[in-house]
Protein backbone atom coordinates (compact mmCIF):
# COMPACT_ATOMS: atom_id res chain seq x y z
CA MET A 1 95.41 113.38 67.00
CA VAL A 2 95.38 110.09 68.85
CA ASP A 3 94.74 106.85 66.99
CA THR A 4 93.56 104.58 69.80
CA ASN A 5 93.46 101.52 67.52
CA ALA A 6 97.08 101.88 66.40
CA CYS A 7 98.25 103.44 69.72
CA CYS A 8 99.83 106.37 67.85
CA LEU A 9 100.00 110.08 68.50
CA TYR A 10 100.17 112.44 65.51
CA GLU A 11 101.03 116.11 66.02
CA LEU A 12 101.23 118.87 63.40
CA PHE A 13 102.71 122.36 63.44
CA ALA A 14 101.06 125.19 61.48
CA ALA A 15 98.34 122.97 60.05
CA VAL A 16 95.96 124.67 57.63
CA LYS A 17 93.16 123.37 55.45
CA THR A 18 93.34 124.63 51.89
CA SER A 19 91.22 123.93 48.83
CA SER A 20 93.66 121.16 47.90
CA GLY A 21 93.70 119.52 51.34
CA TRP A 22 95.57 119.78 54.63
CA HIS A 23 99.11 121.16 54.82
CA ALA A 24 101.46 121.52 57.80
CA GLY A 25 104.83 123.10 58.48
CA SER A 26 106.02 119.93 60.19
CA GLY A 27 104.68 116.87 61.91
CA ALA A 28 105.67 113.99 64.10
CA THR A 29 104.34 110.64 65.17
CA TRP A 30 104.89 108.72 68.39
CA SER A 31 104.02 105.20 69.39
CA LEU A 32 102.01 105.29 72.61
CA THR A 33 103.44 101.89 73.53
CA SER A 34 107.02 103.23 73.76
CA ASN A 35 109.04 105.94 75.51
CA LYS A 36 111.37 106.25 72.51
CA LEU A 37 112.49 109.81 71.76
CA ARG A 38 113.07 111.33 68.36
CA PRO A 39 116.70 111.30 67.14
CA ASP A 40 118.87 114.07 68.55
CA GLY A 41 118.58 117.18 66.38
CA TRP A 42 115.02 116.45 65.21
CA THR A 43 112.20 118.86 65.88
CA SER A 44 108.50 118.02 66.07
CA ALA A 45 105.33 120.06 66.38
CA ASP A 46 107.09 121.79 69.27
CA ALA A 47 110.55 123.31 69.12
CA ALA A 48 112.15 120.90 71.62
CA GLY A 49 111.25 117.85 69.52
CA LEU A 50 109.02 116.49 72.27
CA PRO A 51 105.40 115.38 72.01
CA ILE A 52 102.97 118.10 73.08
CA LEU A 53 100.02 116.01 74.28
CA PRO A 54 101.73 114.33 77.28
CA GLY A 55 102.72 117.72 78.72
CA LEU A 56 99.34 119.41 78.49
CA VAL A 57 97.35 120.28 81.58
CA ARG A 58 94.02 118.50 81.05
CA TYR A 59 90.77 119.28 82.83
CA ASP A 60 89.89 115.62 83.45
CA GLN A 61 93.11 115.23 85.45
CA VAL A 62 92.45 118.40 87.44
CA ALA A 63 88.87 117.30 88.13
CA ALA A 64 90.22 113.95 89.36
CA GLY A 65 92.47 115.88 91.76
CA ALA A 66 95.93 115.10 90.39
CA ILE A 67 98.19 115.69 87.43
CA LEU A 68 100.73 112.86 87.42
CA HIS A 69 103.27 114.20 84.92
CA ALA A 70 105.50 117.15 84.13
CA VAL A 71 103.86 120.04 82.32
CA ARG A 72 105.15 121.73 79.17
CA LEU A 73 106.36 125.31 79.46
CA THR A 74 107.27 128.09 77.04
CA ALA A 75 109.74 130.95 77.33
CA PRO A 76 110.17 134.03 75.11
CA GLN A 77 113.89 133.50 74.56
CA THR A 78 115.91 130.30 74.62
CA CYS A 79 119.54 129.54 73.87
CA ASP A 80 121.02 127.69 70.92
CA GLY A 81 121.29 124.43 72.87
CA HIS A 82 119.11 121.71 74.31
CA ILE A 83 119.35 119.21 77.15
CA TYR A 84 117.67 115.89 77.83
CA PRO A 85 114.89 115.09 77.15
CA ALA A 86 114.71 117.75 74.41
CA ARG A 87 115.95 116.70 70.98
CA HIS A 88 116.14 120.10 69.30
CA ASP A 89 116.75 123.78 70.02
CA ALA A 90 115.18 126.84 68.44
CA GLY A 91 116.81 129.75 70.18
CA SER A 92 119.90 131.86 69.82
CA GLY A 93 122.58 133.13 72.09
CA SER A 94 124.39 131.68 75.03
CA CYS A 95 122.96 129.08 77.38
CA ALA A 96 124.73 131.02 80.16
CA THR A 97 122.11 133.76 79.82
CA ARG A 98 119.12 131.99 78.22
CA PRO A 99 117.54 128.64 79.10
CA PRO A 100 117.97 125.58 76.87
CA MET A 101 115.09 123.53 75.52
CA GLY A 102 114.50 120.61 77.87
CA LEU A 103 115.25 122.63 81.01
CA ARG A 104 113.24 121.23 83.91
CA VAL A 105 112.07 123.52 86.68
CA ARG A 106 109.85 122.82 89.66
CA LEU A 107 107.84 124.97 92.02
CA LYS A 108 109.77 125.33 95.27
CA ALA A 109 108.35 123.25 98.12
CA GLY A 110 108.02 126.32 100.36
CA VAL A 111 105.72 128.24 98.00
CA ASN A 112 102.34 128.62 99.74
CA ILE A 113 99.56 127.51 97.37
CA SER A 114 96.71 127.55 99.89
CA GLY A 115 95.32 130.87 98.64
CA PHE A 116 94.80 129.63 95.09
CA GLY A 117 91.54 128.22 93.72
CA SER A 118 91.06 124.46 93.59
CA GLN A 119 91.93 124.07 89.88
CA ALA A 120 95.11 126.09 90.33
CA ARG A 121 96.10 124.13 93.47
CA VAL A 122 95.97 120.84 91.55
CA ILE A 123 98.25 122.33 88.88
CA LEU A 124 100.60 123.84 91.47
CA THR A 125 100.84 120.56 93.34
CA ALA A 126 101.95 118.87 90.10
CA LEU A 127 104.48 121.66 89.54
CA LYS A 128 105.96 120.96 92.97
CA ARG A 129 106.18 117.22 92.36
CA TYR A 130 106.85 116.78 88.63
CA GLY A 131 107.80 120.27 87.49
CA MET A 132 107.75 121.72 84.01
CA ILE A 133 109.88 121.08 80.92
CA LEU A 134 110.80 123.94 78.59
CA ALA A 135 109.38 122.77 75.27
CA ASP A 136 108.92 125.79 73.01
CA ASN A 137 109.39 129.50 72.50
CA GLY A 138 106.39 131.60 73.47
CA SER A 139 105.00 133.63 76.33
CA PRO A 140 107.01 133.70 79.56
CA TRP A 141 106.23 130.90 82.04
CA TYR A 142 103.29 129.81 79.87
CA ILE A 143 101.70 126.49 80.78
CA THR A 144 99.79 124.85 77.94
CA GLY A 145 96.42 123.25 78.62
CA ALA A 146 93.93 121.33 76.57
CA PRO A 147 90.76 123.33 75.87
CA ASP A 148 87.75 122.48 78.03
CA PRO A 149 84.64 124.54 78.86
CA HIS A 150 84.97 123.58 82.54
CA TRP A 151 88.15 125.62 83.12
CA ASN A 152 87.71 128.61 85.41
CA ASP A 153 89.80 131.24 83.62
CA ASP A 154 89.74 133.60 86.61
CA VAL A 155 91.28 130.91 88.83
CA LEU A 156 93.84 129.97 86.17
CA HIS A 157 94.87 133.61 85.67
CA ASP A 158 95.87 133.66 89.35
CA LEU A 159 98.80 131.42 88.37
CA GLY A 160 100.29 134.64 86.95
CA GLN A 161 101.13 135.68 90.53
CA LEU A 162 104.06 133.28 90.45
CA THR A 163 107.47 134.51 89.33
CA GLY A 164 110.68 132.84 88.29
CA ASP A 165 111.89 133.18 91.90
CA ASP A 166 109.20 130.67 92.91
CA PHE A 167 110.89 127.94 90.86
CA GLU A 168 114.12 125.98 91.05
CA VAL A 169 116.05 124.25 88.29
CA VAL A 170 116.13 120.46 88.50
CA ASN A 171 119.52 118.96 87.71
CA THR A 172 118.83 116.33 85.06
CA THR A 173 122.47 115.66 84.24
CA GLY A 174 122.92 111.99 83.48
CA PHE A 175 119.24 111.27 82.85
CA VAL A 176 118.65 108.86 79.97
CA ASN A 177 115.57 107.31 78.40
CA GLY A 178 114.77 103.93 79.93
């Protein structure tokens, strides 16, 4: 939920409405006037402790022809560590064999995207420029988008042609907020 008057973002995990009111497994708030991250070790509505909304693929951006930010990504298995900008980890096992939360990958420049539909090409162009940040456990290489009736699901399903070999890891060592 976005409170435009207070410039705050509120996100909930596992929210359910019961007879006694709303309940959630966890929640987080962010000021939309700041880039401040949650304290290290804190989770949020996503496992990496990052806000979900800024990483969503949104139809209005695709319709305008450009996504100007990194996209959130899920993976079925992650390690028991996290790297910047993630604040939390939710996996198990070694980071030598499983990716950490916060891992940034980008679509390789040489990947030909000309055969994809227009909606997919806008997304793929953003993946080449800004990449994706591993933010939660879930389906492999899953990009999260905001619901909109204008999405062409057939075109979006074509993104499934890509494999891990089409991406490269971005070295974010030394990155800090600000």
